[in-house]
Amino acid sequence: MAQTVRRSPSNRSRPAPATEPTLPAPSFFFNGHVPRRRALVIAVSALFGFALTVVWSASFVDRTIGDTVADSLLGHAAKETPITGVLAGIVFALATGVAGTFTACNVAVFSALAPLSGAGSTTRRGRMAAALRPLGRIALGAVVVSASYGVVVALFGTGMPQFEQSQGGGGAFSGRLIQAMVVYGLIGLIMTYLGLAALGLLRDPLAKLTHRFPNAPLYFMGGLIGAFLIGRPFALFRQLFRDTAESGNALYAALGFSLQSIGNILVMSLLFLLVTGLLGNRLHRWMTARPSRASALMAAAFIAAGVFLVLYWDVRILARRDLIWYPMAPWA
């Protein structure tokens, strides 16, 4: 009687084990922990950025809020009073910088600092003292970029697009509007990239540099805030721009632009210190309990801000010139 021999199935018939997707090495913008629903984080944050462009009213932010704050700090109508002298220009720069606090860049940068709040200290004073270090590095990055731009303005300002007075109405684009579209569009793309990097979908562009210089991302984010002045069409900033350009004084321009950037982050810095002191320890425990929460928060902030900047400055502007259709709230 023949004996039946059972053969073990060959390795070829076995399904290949599923391979995990290769993730970038942990860095400042990517902590190595991926949220379970990355697609949802992207969709919700991008939708929020888009919705903000629909309801955002530049006249309310710049005039109702910005002008009112600047007038209150200066004690007179900022737009209607000429800048007389270097000292008046310095005071004007700081006051109008505070008036221009509410920008998408500020929100994204300070949201990215949230994982640092409360780290390394259990006392309120210790947490606030520790928070001053990253804030100082962000401020330094902003000052380096804005002061450098100030020197350029003092040397070439009267021939630069931001010096133009034309509004570019009737479907035309003024030089300063084109400059704003290019600068804010690039910053928006950078922020969107950083948001995707925070989710582990793209490589952190500063990973190698951060390995050698751990504080490089903080200086970089400060530089993004400083770069806002390169494209800013805010009327009060243009007033400072024209005064520094006509003066030709590089030191005055560098100092004035630096104070504008410091004013931009002053209110947000105070809020960050307050949140760190009151809720920092609790917030830090909440994030360290599931580190992917910090990734999701950082990614959402950068993606929302990036989408807002690109759509607002490079798409909605076209609708303002009646070149395309774009949904906008009646008050926008």
Protein backbone atom coordinates (compact mmCIF):
# COMPACT_ATOMS: atom_id res chain seq x y z
CA MET A 1 0.00 0.00 0.00
CA ALA A 2 1.45 3.29 -1.06
CA GLN A 3 2.09 5.80 1.65
CA THR A 4 0.81 9.34 1.17
CA VAL A 5 3.41 11.94 1.88
CA ARG A 6 2.26 15.42 2.94
CA ARG A 7 4.37 18.22 1.63
CA SER A 8 4.68 21.43 3.52
CA PRO A 9 3.63 24.46 1.54
CA SER A 10 6.50 26.27 -0.10
CA ASN A 11 7.59 29.68 0.97
CA ARG A 12 6.40 31.00 -2.36
CA SER A 13 2.77 30.32 -1.48
CA ARG A 14 2.96 32.25 1.76
CA PRO A 15 1.87 35.88 1.65
CA ALA A 16 4.70 38.31 2.10
CA PRO A 17 4.64 40.04 5.48
CA ALA A 18 3.37 43.60 5.34
CA THR A 19 6.14 46.13 5.59
CA GLU A 20 5.74 49.22 7.69
CA PRO A 21 6.15 52.50 5.81
CA THR A 22 9.55 54.05 6.32
CA LEU A 23 9.26 57.14 8.50
CA PRO A 24 11.73 60.00 8.68
CA ALA A 25 14.06 60.16 11.65
CA PRO A 26 12.68 62.13 14.61
CA SER A 27 13.50 65.83 14.59
CA PHE A 28 12.10 69.11 15.91
CA PHE A 29 9.19 69.22 13.48
CA PHE A 30 8.61 65.44 13.55
CA ASN A 31 8.79 63.80 16.97
CA GLY A 32 8.66 60.24 15.58
CA HIS A 33 5.03 59.61 16.56
CA VAL A 34 2.41 59.51 13.80
CA PRO A 35 -1.25 60.35 14.54
CA ARG A 36 -3.59 57.48 13.74
CA ARG A 37 -5.66 59.61 11.36
CA ARG A 38 -3.21 61.70 9.41
CA ALA A 39 -5.64 62.19 6.53
CA LEU A 40 -8.23 63.59 8.93
CA VAL A 41 -5.70 66.03 10.43
CA ILE A 42 -4.80 67.28 6.96
CA ALA A 43 -8.41 67.56 5.81
CA VAL A 44 -9.70 69.38 8.91
CA SER A 45 -6.78 71.82 9.13
CA ALA A 46 -6.88 72.59 5.39
CA LEU A 47 -10.64 73.08 5.57
CA PHE A 48 -10.18 75.45 8.51
CA GLY A 49 -7.58 77.45 6.57
CA PHE A 50 -9.92 77.67 3.59
CA ALA A 51 -12.91 78.68 5.75
CA LEU A 52 -10.82 81.43 7.31
CA THR A 53 -10.15 82.92 3.88
CA VAL A 54 -13.90 83.01 3.22
CA VAL A 55 -14.76 85.00 6.36
CA TRP A 56 -11.52 87.00 6.84
CA SER A 57 -12.04 90.75 6.61
CA ALA A 58 -8.83 92.66 6.02
CA SER A 59 -10.56 95.98 6.65
CA PHE A 60 -11.73 94.81 10.07
CA VAL A 61 -8.35 93.40 11.09
CA ASP A 62 -6.25 96.24 9.67
CA ARG A 63 -8.52 99.22 10.31
CA THR A 64 -10.90 98.38 13.14
CA ILE A 65 -8.33 96.45 15.18
CA GLY A 66 -4.95 97.57 13.85
CA ASP A 67 -5.65 101.29 13.52
CA THR A 68 -7.51 101.44 16.84
CA VAL A 69 -4.65 99.74 18.72
CA ALA A 70 -2.02 101.93 17.05
CA ASP A 71 -3.98 105.14 17.72
CA SER A 72 -4.45 104.17 21.38
CA LEU A 73 -0.78 103.37 21.91
CA LEU A 74 0.48 106.50 20.14
CA GLY A 75 -2.19 108.83 21.51
CA HIS A 76 -3.02 110.26 18.10
CA ALA A 77 -4.27 109.19 14.66
CA ALA A 78 -1.36 107.13 13.36
CA LYS A 79 -2.27 107.37 9.67
CA GLU A 80 -2.92 111.09 9.69
CA THR A 81 0.16 112.13 11.66
CA PRO A 82 3.49 112.22 9.82
CA ILE A 83 6.52 110.59 11.40
CA THR A 84 8.82 113.37 12.58
CA GLY A 85 12.29 112.18 13.42
CA VAL A 86 14.01 108.94 14.31
CA LEU A 87 12.63 108.70 17.86
CA ALA A 88 9.06 109.15 16.65
CA GLY A 89 9.71 106.50 13.99
CA ILE A 90 10.97 104.01 16.58
CA VAL A 91 7.90 104.51 18.78
CA PHE A 92 5.68 104.27 15.70
CA ALA A 93 7.38 101.01 14.65
CA LEU A 94 6.79 99.29 17.99
CA ALA A 95 3.20 100.51 18.33
CA THR A 96 2.21 99.48 14.80
CA GLY A 97 4.00 96.16 15.27
CA VAL A 98 1.75 95.40 18.23
CA ALA A 99 -1.23 96.54 16.14
CA GLY A 100 -0.32 93.93 13.51
CA THR A 101 -0.24 91.03 15.96
CA PHE A 102 -3.00 88.93 14.42
CA THR A 103 -1.29 87.09 11.59
CA ALA A 104 -1.45 83.45 10.50
CA CYS A 105 2.31 83.15 10.92
CA ASN A 106 2.11 84.05 14.60
CA VAL A 107 -0.60 81.47 15.26
CA ALA A 108 1.35 78.69 13.56
CA VAL A 109 4.68 79.47 15.21
CA PHE A 110 3.28 79.67 18.73
CA SER A 111 1.20 76.52 18.21
CA ALA A 112 4.42 74.76 17.27
CA LEU A 113 5.86 75.83 20.64
CA ALA A 114 3.01 74.17 22.54
CA PRO A 115 4.86 70.85 23.00
CA LEU A 116 7.64 72.76 24.79
CA SER A 117 5.35 74.31 27.37
CA GLY A 118 5.76 72.97 30.85
CA ALA A 119 8.74 70.77 30.00
CA GLY A 120 11.40 70.32 32.66
CA SER A 121 9.80 72.17 35.56
CA THR A 122 6.97 71.62 38.00
CA THR A 123 6.76 75.20 39.30
CA ARG A 124 4.95 78.03 37.55
CA ARG A 125 7.95 80.34 37.74
CA GLY A 126 10.27 77.64 36.42
CA ARG A 127 8.01 76.89 33.45
CA MET A 128 7.76 80.56 32.53
CA ALA A 129 11.52 81.03 32.86
CA ALA A 130 12.11 78.01 30.63
CA ALA A 131 9.67 79.38 28.04
CA LEU A 132 11.70 82.60 27.75
CA ARG A 133 14.57 80.75 26.07
CA PRO A 134 12.69 79.60 22.94
CA LEU A 135 10.88 82.95 22.80
CA GLY A 136 14.23 84.75 22.83
CA ARG A 137 15.53 82.62 19.96
CA ILE A 138 12.39 83.23 17.91
CA ALA A 139 12.72 86.97 18.54
CA LEU A 140 16.37 86.87 17.46
CA GLY A 141 15.48 85.09 14.23
CA ALA A 142 12.80 87.67 13.50
CA VAL A 143 15.16 90.56 14.25
CA VAL A 144 17.92 89.24 11.99
CA VAL A 145 15.59 88.96 8.97
CA SER A 146 13.66 92.20 9.58
CA ALA A 147 16.79 94.24 10.34
CA SER A 148 18.47 92.93 7.19
CA TYR A 149 15.43 93.92 5.17
CA GLY A 150 15.48 97.32 6.85
CA VAL A 151 19.04 97.91 5.63
CA VAL A 152 17.96 96.97 2.09
CA VAL A 153 15.04 99.43 2.35
CA ALA A 154 17.34 102.24 3.48
CA LEU A 155 19.62 101.61 0.50
CA PHE A 156 17.12 100.89 -2.28
CA GLY A 157 13.67 101.56 -0.78
CA THR A 158 12.51 104.39 -3.02
CA GLY A 159 12.88 102.14 -6.03
CA MET A 160 11.24 99.05 -4.51
CA PRO A 161 7.67 97.88 -5.25
CA GLN A 162 6.51 98.50 -1.66
CA PHE A 163 7.26 102.20 -2.12
CA GLU A 164 4.54 102.48 -4.78
CA GLN A 165 1.40 104.44 -4.03
CA SER A 166 -0.75 102.89 -6.79
CA GLN A 167 -3.55 100.60 -5.71
CA GLY A 168 -3.60 98.55 -8.91
CA GLY A 169 -7.36 98.72 -9.28
CA GLY A 170 -9.50 97.72 -12.24
CA GLY A 171 -8.01 94.27 -12.59
CA ALA A 172 -4.39 95.52 -12.55
CA PHE A 173 -1.76 94.44 -10.07
CA SER A 174 0.48 97.01 -8.40
CA GLY A 175 4.10 96.13 -7.79
CA ARG A 176 3.65 95.98 -4.04
CA LEU A 177 0.65 93.68 -4.40
CA ILE A 178 2.65 91.30 -6.60
CA GLN A 179 5.44 91.35 -4.01
CA ALA A 180 2.94 90.51 -1.26
CA MET A 181 1.48 87.65 -3.32
CA VAL A 182 4.92 86.15 -3.97
CA VAL A 183 6.23 86.51 -0.40
CA TYR A 184 3.12 85.29 1.40
CA GLY A 185 2.61 82.51 -1.15
CA LEU A 186 6.14 81.22 -0.50
CA ILE A 187 5.70 81.45 3.28
CA GLY A 188 2.39 79.60 2.95
CA LEU A 189 4.03 76.79 0.96
CA ILE A 190 6.83 76.53 3.53
CA MET A 191 4.32 76.26 6.37
CA THR A 192 2.28 73.65 4.52
CA TYR A 193 5.45 71.63 3.94
CA LEU A 194 6.37 71.85 7.64
CA GLY A 195 2.88 70.67 8.55
CA LEU A 196 3.22 67.60 6.35
CA ALA A 197 6.71 67.03 7.77
CA ALA A 198 5.24 67.11 11.29
CA LEU A 199 3.03 64.18 10.26
CA GLY A 200 5.99 62.20 8.92
CA LEU A 201 4.80 62.45 5.32
CA LEU A 202 7.75 64.56 4.18
CA ARG A 203 11.33 64.92 5.35
CA ASP A 204 12.07 67.67 7.82
CA PRO A 205 14.19 70.10 5.74
CA LEU A 206 16.05 71.24 8.87
CA ALA A 207 16.71 67.77 10.30
CA LYS A 208 20.46 67.66 9.53
CA LEU A 209 20.97 71.25 10.60
CA THR A 210 19.02 70.63 13.82
CA HIS A 211 21.28 67.66 14.60
CA ARG A 212 24.26 70.05 14.69
CA PHE A 213 22.40 73.12 15.98
CA PRO A 214 19.38 72.05 18.08
CA ASN A 215 17.93 75.57 18.22
CA ALA A 216 17.98 76.14 14.45
CA PRO A 217 14.19 75.56 14.02
CA LEU A 218 13.41 78.30 16.54
CA TYR A 219 15.57 80.81 14.68
CA PHE A 220 13.98 79.66 11.42
CA MET A 221 10.42 80.19 12.70
CA GLY A 222 11.43 83.61 13.95
CA GLY A 223 12.82 84.31 10.49
CA LEU A 224 9.41 83.51 8.99
CA ILE A 225 7.84 86.14 11.24
CA GLY A 226 10.49 88.65 10.22
CA ALA A 227 9.90 87.84 6.55
CA PHE A 228 6.28 88.98 6.88
CA LEU A 229 7.57 92.56 6.61
CA ILE A 230 8.95 91.81 3.14
CA GLY A 231 5.46 91.41 1.76
CA ARG A 232 3.28 93.29 4.24
CA PRO A 233 0.81 95.67 2.56
CA PHE A 234 -0.50 96.89 5.96
CA ALA A 235 -1.03 100.66 5.55
CA LEU A 236 0.73 101.54 8.81
CA PHE A 237 3.74 99.45 7.83
CA ARG A 238 3.89 101.15 4.44
CA GLN A 239 4.00 104.47 6.29
CA LEU A 240 7.07 103.28 8.21
CA PHE A 241 8.53 101.80 5.01
CA ARG A 242 8.29 105.08 3.12
CA ASP A 243 9.76 107.09 6.01
CA THR A 244 12.78 104.79 6.41
CA ALA A 245 13.28 104.56 2.64
CA GLU A 246 13.29 108.35 2.26
CA SER A 247 15.62 108.78 5.23
CA GLY A 248 18.33 106.54 3.76
CA ASN A 249 19.45 105.84 7.35
CA ALA A 250 20.33 102.13 7.53
CA LEU A 251 20.58 102.07 11.34
CA TYR A 252 17.19 103.72 11.75
CA ALA A 253 15.60 101.36 9.21
CA ALA A 254 17.11 98.25 10.81
CA LEU A 255 16.00 99.31 14.30
CA GLY A 256 12.52 100.32 13.16
CA PHE A 257 11.90 97.10 11.27
CA SER A 258 13.27 95.05 14.17
CA LEU A 259 10.85 96.73 16.58
CA GLN A 260 8.00 96.06 14.14
CA SER A 261 8.79 92.33 14.29
CA ILE A 262 9.17 92.36 18.07
CA GLY A 263 5.83 94.17 18.33
CA ASN A 264 4.26 91.48 16.13
CA ILE A 265 5.15 88.73 18.58
CA LEU A 266 4.93 90.68 21.85
CA VAL A 267 1.26 89.96 22.61
CA MET A 268 1.52 86.32 21.50
CA SER A 269 4.64 85.89 23.64
CA LEU A 270 2.86 87.22 26.72
CA LEU A 271 -0.08 84.90 26.05
CA PHE A 272 2.30 81.97 25.61
CA LEU A 273 4.00 82.76 28.92
CA LEU A 274 0.62 83.03 30.64
CA VAL A 275 -0.58 79.69 29.26
CA THR A 276 2.75 78.08 30.13
CA GLY A 277 2.57 79.34 33.70
CA LEU A 278 -1.05 78.39 34.31
CA LEU A 279 -1.55 75.27 32.19
CA GLY A 280 1.93 74.29 31.03
CA ASN A 281 2.42 71.30 33.33
CA ARG A 282 -1.04 69.91 32.61
CA LEU A 283 -0.66 70.53 28.88
CA HIS A 284 2.76 68.86 28.87
CA ARG A 285 1.42 65.76 30.66
CA TRP A 286 -1.48 65.57 28.20
CA MET A 287 0.90 65.61 25.24
CA THR A 288 3.49 63.23 26.67
CA ALA A 289 0.74 60.72 27.51
CA ARG A 290 0.25 60.37 23.73
CA PRO A 291 3.10 62.05 21.83
CA SER A 292 1.16 61.85 18.57
CA ARG A 293 -1.04 64.64 19.95
CA ALA A 294 1.89 67.05 19.72
CA SER A 295 2.48 65.97 16.11
CA ALA A 296 -1.18 66.52 15.24
CA LEU A 297 -1.26 69.96 16.90
CA MET A 298 1.90 71.19 15.19
CA ALA A 299 0.82 69.80 11.82
CA ALA A 300 -2.68 71.27 12.06
CA ALA A 301 -1.34 74.74 12.94
CA PHE A 302 1.15 74.85 10.09
CA ILE A 303 -1.18 73.37 7.47
CA ALA A 304 -4.08 75.67 8.40
CA ALA A 305 -1.82 78.74 8.32
CA GLY A 306 -0.13 77.64 5.09
CA VAL A 307 -3.39 76.95 3.27
CA PHE A 308 -4.79 80.27 4.49
CA LEU A 309 -1.80 82.25 3.18
CA VAL A 310 -1.74 80.57 -0.23
CA LEU A 311 -5.50 80.81 -0.80
CA TYR A 312 -5.88 84.31 0.63
CA TRP A 313 -2.91 85.92 -1.10
CA ASP A 314 -2.66 83.91 -4.32
CA VAL A 315 -6.26 82.89 -5.05
CA ARG A 316 -8.67 85.27 -3.33
CA ILE A 317 -6.72 88.25 -4.68
CA LEU A 318 -7.59 87.05 -8.18
CA ALA A 319 -11.27 87.11 -7.22
CA ARG A 320 -10.82 90.66 -5.93
CA ARG A 321 -9.67 91.56 -9.43
CA ASP A 322 -12.72 89.78 -10.95
CA LEU A 323 -10.49 87.25 -12.69
CA ILE A 324 -11.99 84.16 -11.00
CA TRP A 325 -14.82 83.33 -8.62
CA TYR A 326 -14.05 82.65 -4.98
CA PRO A 327 -16.51 82.31 -2.08
CA MET A 328 -16.38 85.28 0.27
CA ALA A 329 -18.59 86.36 3.14
CA PRO A 330 -20.51 89.62 2.57
CA TRP A 331 -18.41 91.46 5.17
CA ALA A 332 -15.13 90.21 3.68
